[in-house]
């Protein structure tokens, strides 16, 4: 198949020495018909050996951005977006909760239907989903419910990491959130311009807090506030 578009895969990283190389190897292993890929890794001031490992393995990414301090995932993502050149953007966490083998499924609506947004859903007949925290699922359903009401959409899992969208839908210069709520800001801005939106099932191997999971229930408040603000001030 002739390559018809490009994707910028942005990998924000903070203290992921145990998984970063495995994650990047998995990303590089994906052979995607119809797409050229650039991999942009953003190290958000890691204090472990993450940055050292990245510097020793430059063949695993297209560009490495080394931030001087730890300002949060949102700040790292924004830096990555400023450097992205692909027609589409896709986010990849470095902790292996999400499987790059799902990229082909995410690209299918783009190849077949010229999709503007494709959301990977852990709740739509996912082949494999690790049983995790009950209140996280409740919180996710609440956030998704509120988002759908305010944006007249029918997503099932708006806080999946696997958000693929046409890059020109969101100008990184207008993004203001630095925390976990930035995902809601990006999606909120993207849906206002998108014409074709799809969901596809993905695998999910969620980590426990003992394994390094970072998002907490309190983050839901900032997420819901961001969704509401973006709906009111479009």
Protein backbone atom coordinates (compact mmCIF):
# COMPACT_ATOMS: atom_id res chain seq x y z
CA UNK A 1 0.00 0.00 0.00
CA UNK A 2 1.30 3.47 -0.85
CA UNK A 3 2.06 5.57 2.22
CA UNK A 4 -0.56 8.27 2.36
CA UNK A 5 -0.13 10.00 5.72
CA UNK A 6 2.23 10.38 8.67
CA UNK A 7 1.81 9.95 12.42
CA UNK A 8 3.63 11.62 15.28
CA UNK A 9 3.71 9.27 18.27
CA UNK A 10 4.35 11.29 21.41
CA UNK A 11 5.76 9.42 24.41
CA UNK A 12 5.86 11.48 27.64
CA UNK A 13 8.18 9.89 30.20
CA UNK A 14 8.90 10.38 33.88
CA UNK A 15 10.84 7.81 35.92
CA UNK A 16 10.07 4.83 33.70
CA UNK A 17 13.47 3.11 33.65
CA UNK A 18 11.85 -0.32 34.05
CA UNK A 19 9.67 -0.09 30.94
CA UNK A 20 10.79 2.71 28.61
CA UNK A 21 13.04 0.61 26.36
CA UNK A 22 10.54 -2.25 26.14
CA UNK A 23 7.81 0.24 25.25
CA UNK A 24 9.87 1.87 22.50
CA UNK A 25 10.91 -1.48 21.07
CA UNK A 26 7.21 -2.40 20.88
CA UNK A 27 6.38 0.88 19.13
CA UNK A 28 9.16 0.38 16.59
CA UNK A 29 7.99 -3.17 15.92
CA UNK A 30 4.71 -1.97 14.42
CA UNK A 31 4.59 -2.17 10.63
CA UNK A 32 1.76 0.08 9.56
CA UNK A 33 0.65 0.08 5.94
CA UNK A 34 -0.29 3.55 4.83
CA UNK A 35 1.63 5.47 7.46
CA UNK A 36 5.04 6.98 8.10
CA UNK A 37 5.89 7.27 11.79
CA UNK A 38 7.95 9.68 13.85
CA UNK A 39 8.50 8.92 17.54
CA UNK A 40 8.95 11.90 19.85
CA UNK A 41 10.00 11.07 23.40
CA UNK A 42 9.71 13.79 26.04
CA UNK A 43 11.57 13.17 29.30
CA UNK A 44 9.96 15.30 31.99
CA UNK A 45 12.98 15.61 34.28
CA UNK A 46 13.27 11.95 35.29
CA UNK A 47 15.29 11.28 38.44
CA UNK A 48 16.08 7.64 37.73
CA UNK A 49 18.01 6.15 34.77
CA UNK A 50 15.30 6.88 32.20
CA UNK A 51 17.17 9.70 30.47
CA UNK A 52 20.44 7.77 30.50
CA UNK A 53 18.77 4.78 28.86
CA UNK A 54 17.21 6.99 26.22
CA UNK A 55 20.49 8.67 25.40
CA UNK A 56 22.13 5.26 25.02
CA UNK A 57 19.46 4.08 22.54
CA UNK A 58 18.86 6.87 19.99
CA UNK A 59 17.81 4.35 17.36
CA UNK A 60 14.52 3.81 19.21
CA UNK A 61 13.08 7.28 18.56
CA UNK A 62 13.10 10.13 16.07
CA UNK A 63 13.61 12.93 18.58
CA UNK A 64 14.30 13.19 22.31
CA UNK A 65 13.19 16.29 24.20
CA UNK A 66 14.92 16.69 27.57
CA UNK A 67 12.95 18.92 29.90
CA UNK A 68 14.96 20.53 32.75
CA UNK A 69 12.39 19.80 35.45
CA UNK A 70 9.26 17.81 36.25
CA UNK A 71 6.27 19.97 35.34
CA UNK A 72 3.73 17.21 34.69
CA UNK A 73 2.54 15.02 31.86
CA UNK A 74 0.61 17.86 30.26
CA UNK A 75 3.70 20.05 29.97
CA UNK A 76 5.64 17.17 28.42
CA UNK A 77 2.85 16.45 25.93
CA UNK A 78 2.67 20.10 24.92
CA UNK A 79 6.41 20.18 24.22
CA UNK A 80 6.01 17.07 22.09
CA UNK A 81 3.13 18.58 20.15
CA UNK A 82 5.19 21.65 19.30
CA UNK A 83 7.75 19.37 17.63
CA UNK A 84 5.26 17.06 15.90
CA UNK A 85 5.12 17.14 12.11
CA UNK A 86 2.75 14.24 11.35
CA UNK A 87 -0.68 14.50 9.80
CA UNK A 88 -2.00 12.71 12.89
CA UNK A 89 -0.98 12.59 16.54
CA UNK A 90 -1.09 9.53 18.77
CA UNK A 91 -0.11 9.33 22.43
CA UNK A 92 1.77 6.39 23.94
CA UNK A 93 2.41 5.97 27.66
CA UNK A 94 5.75 4.45 28.57
CA UNK A 95 4.42 2.17 31.29
CA UNK A 96 3.06 -0.59 28.99
CA UNK A 97 -0.53 -0.26 30.18
CA UNK A 98 -1.40 0.16 26.49
CA UNK A 99 -0.21 -2.16 23.73
CA UNK A 100 1.30 -0.71 20.53
CA UNK A 101 0.04 -3.83 18.73
CA UNK A 102 -3.31 -2.00 18.71
CA UNK A 103 -2.01 0.71 16.35
CA UNK A 104 -3.26 -1.12 13.27
CA UNK A 105 -6.79 -1.13 14.66
CA UNK A 106 -6.59 2.56 15.48
CA UNK A 107 -5.53 3.34 11.93
CA UNK A 108 -8.29 1.35 10.26
CA UNK A 109 -10.94 4.14 10.48
CA UNK A 110 -8.38 6.58 9.07
CA UNK A 111 -7.55 4.36 6.11
CA UNK A 112 -11.13 3.32 5.39
CA UNK A 113 -13.20 6.34 6.43
CA UNK A 114 -10.76 9.28 6.57
CA UNK A 115 -11.44 9.65 10.31
CA UNK A 116 -10.49 12.87 12.09
CA UNK A 117 -10.49 11.29 15.56
CA UNK A 118 -10.11 7.67 16.62
CA UNK A 119 -10.44 6.75 20.30
CA UNK A 120 -9.19 3.44 21.60
CA UNK A 121 -11.80 2.10 24.01
CA UNK A 122 -11.13 -0.32 26.85
CA UNK A 123 -14.88 -0.83 27.23
CA UNK A 124 -15.96 -1.93 23.74
CA UNK A 125 -15.37 -5.69 23.46
CA UNK A 126 -11.71 -5.30 24.37
CA UNK A 127 -9.77 -8.52 23.70
CA UNK A 128 -7.93 -8.30 27.02
CA UNK A 129 -8.47 -5.91 29.94
CA UNK A 130 -6.83 -6.33 33.33
CA UNK A 131 -9.25 -6.24 36.27
CA UNK A 132 -8.43 -3.11 38.21
CA UNK A 133 -9.91 -0.52 40.56
CA UNK A 134 -13.71 -0.27 40.84
CA UNK A 135 -13.77 3.46 41.61
CA UNK A 136 -11.49 4.21 38.67
CA UNK A 137 -14.07 2.61 36.39
CA UNK A 138 -16.88 4.55 38.05
CA UNK A 139 -14.91 7.78 37.66
CA UNK A 140 -14.15 7.05 34.03
CA UNK A 141 -17.80 6.36 33.26
CA UNK A 142 -18.81 9.60 34.98
CA UNK A 143 -16.26 11.63 33.04
CA UNK A 144 -17.30 9.99 29.77
CA UNK A 145 -21.00 10.56 30.55
CA UNK A 146 -20.47 14.27 31.25
CA UNK A 147 -18.28 14.69 28.16
CA UNK A 148 -20.89 13.06 25.93
CA UNK A 149 -23.73 15.18 27.27
CA UNK A 150 -21.83 18.43 26.82
CA UNK A 151 -20.41 17.56 23.39
CA UNK A 152 -23.27 15.51 21.93
CA UNK A 153 -21.02 12.49 21.36
CA UNK A 154 -21.28 8.77 22.13
CA UNK A 155 -17.79 7.81 23.28
CA UNK A 156 -17.50 4.96 25.77
CA UNK A 157 -14.04 5.69 27.15
CA UNK A 158 -12.81 9.28 26.78
CA UNK A 159 -9.88 8.81 29.15
CA UNK A 160 -8.12 6.12 27.20
CA UNK A 161 -4.50 7.01 26.44
CA UNK A 162 -4.99 5.96 22.83
CA UNK A 163 -6.33 9.13 21.27
CA UNK A 164 -5.47 9.48 17.58
CA UNK A 165 -6.45 12.76 15.97
CA UNK A 166 -5.69 14.91 12.97
CA UNK A 167 -2.96 17.27 14.13
CA UNK A 168 -4.46 20.41 12.65
CA UNK A 169 -7.55 20.05 14.86
CA UNK A 170 -5.66 21.31 17.93
CA UNK A 171 -3.11 24.12 18.03
CA UNK A 172 -0.68 23.33 20.89
CA UNK A 173 -0.17 27.07 21.43
CA UNK A 174 -3.68 27.38 22.86
CA UNK A 175 -3.36 24.51 25.35
CA UNK A 176 -3.25 25.67 28.97
CA UNK A 177 -3.54 22.52 31.12
CA UNK A 178 -0.40 20.87 32.48
CA UNK A 179 -1.92 18.06 34.53
CA UNK A 180 -3.99 14.96 33.76
CA UNK A 181 -6.83 17.22 32.66
CA UNK A 182 -4.92 18.17 29.51
CA UNK A 183 -6.24 15.04 27.78
CA UNK A 184 -9.77 16.38 28.28
CA UNK A 185 -8.72 19.76 26.91
CA UNK A 186 -7.23 18.24 23.76
CA UNK A 187 -10.22 16.01 23.09
CA UNK A 188 -12.67 18.84 23.80
CA UNK A 189 -10.94 21.12 21.33
CA UNK A 190 -10.61 18.38 18.71
CA UNK A 191 -14.29 17.35 18.67
CA UNK A 192 -15.42 20.90 17.94
CA UNK A 193 -13.71 20.71 14.53
CA UNK A 194 -13.86 17.00 13.74
CA UNK A 195 -16.37 15.66 11.22
CA UNK A 196 -15.69 11.92 11.46
CA UNK A 197 -15.06 10.30 14.84
CA UNK A 198 -14.67 6.59 15.61
CA UNK A 199 -13.89 4.18 18.45
CA UNK A 200 -12.08 0.87 18.27
CA UNK A 201 -11.48 -1.77 20.96
CA UNK A 202 -8.00 -1.94 22.52
CA UNK A 203 -6.21 -4.09 25.07
CA UNK A 204 -5.45 -2.66 28.50
CA UNK A 205 -2.96 -3.86 31.10
CA UNK A 206 -3.52 -1.36 33.90
CA UNK A 207 -0.89 -1.04 36.59
CA UNK A 208 -1.56 -1.05 40.31
CA UNK A 209 -0.33 1.74 42.58
CA UNK A 210 2.41 -0.60 43.81
CA UNK A 211 3.53 -0.96 40.19
CA UNK A 212 3.69 2.79 39.68
CA UNK A 213 0.20 3.93 38.67
CA UNK A 214 0.10 7.71 39.01
CA UNK A 215 -3.44 8.94 38.35
CA UNK A 216 -5.62 9.36 41.46
CA UNK A 217 -9.34 9.83 42.06
CA UNK A 218 -8.82 13.50 42.93
CA UNK A 219 -7.72 14.21 39.36
CA UNK A 220 -11.33 13.68 38.22
CA UNK A 221 -12.32 17.08 39.62
CA UNK A 222 -9.85 18.94 37.39
CA UNK A 223 -10.86 16.79 34.41
CA UNK A 224 -14.57 17.52 34.81
CA UNK A 225 -13.87 21.23 35.30
CA UNK A 226 -11.83 21.32 32.10
CA UNK A 227 -14.57 19.58 30.11
CA UNK A 228 -17.13 22.10 31.36
CA UNK A 229 -14.91 25.14 30.75
CA UNK A 230 -14.08 24.06 27.22
CA UNK A 231 -17.78 23.59 26.46
CA UNK A 232 -18.65 27.04 27.76
CA UNK A 233 -15.78 28.91 26.11
CA UNK A 234 -15.53 27.46 22.61
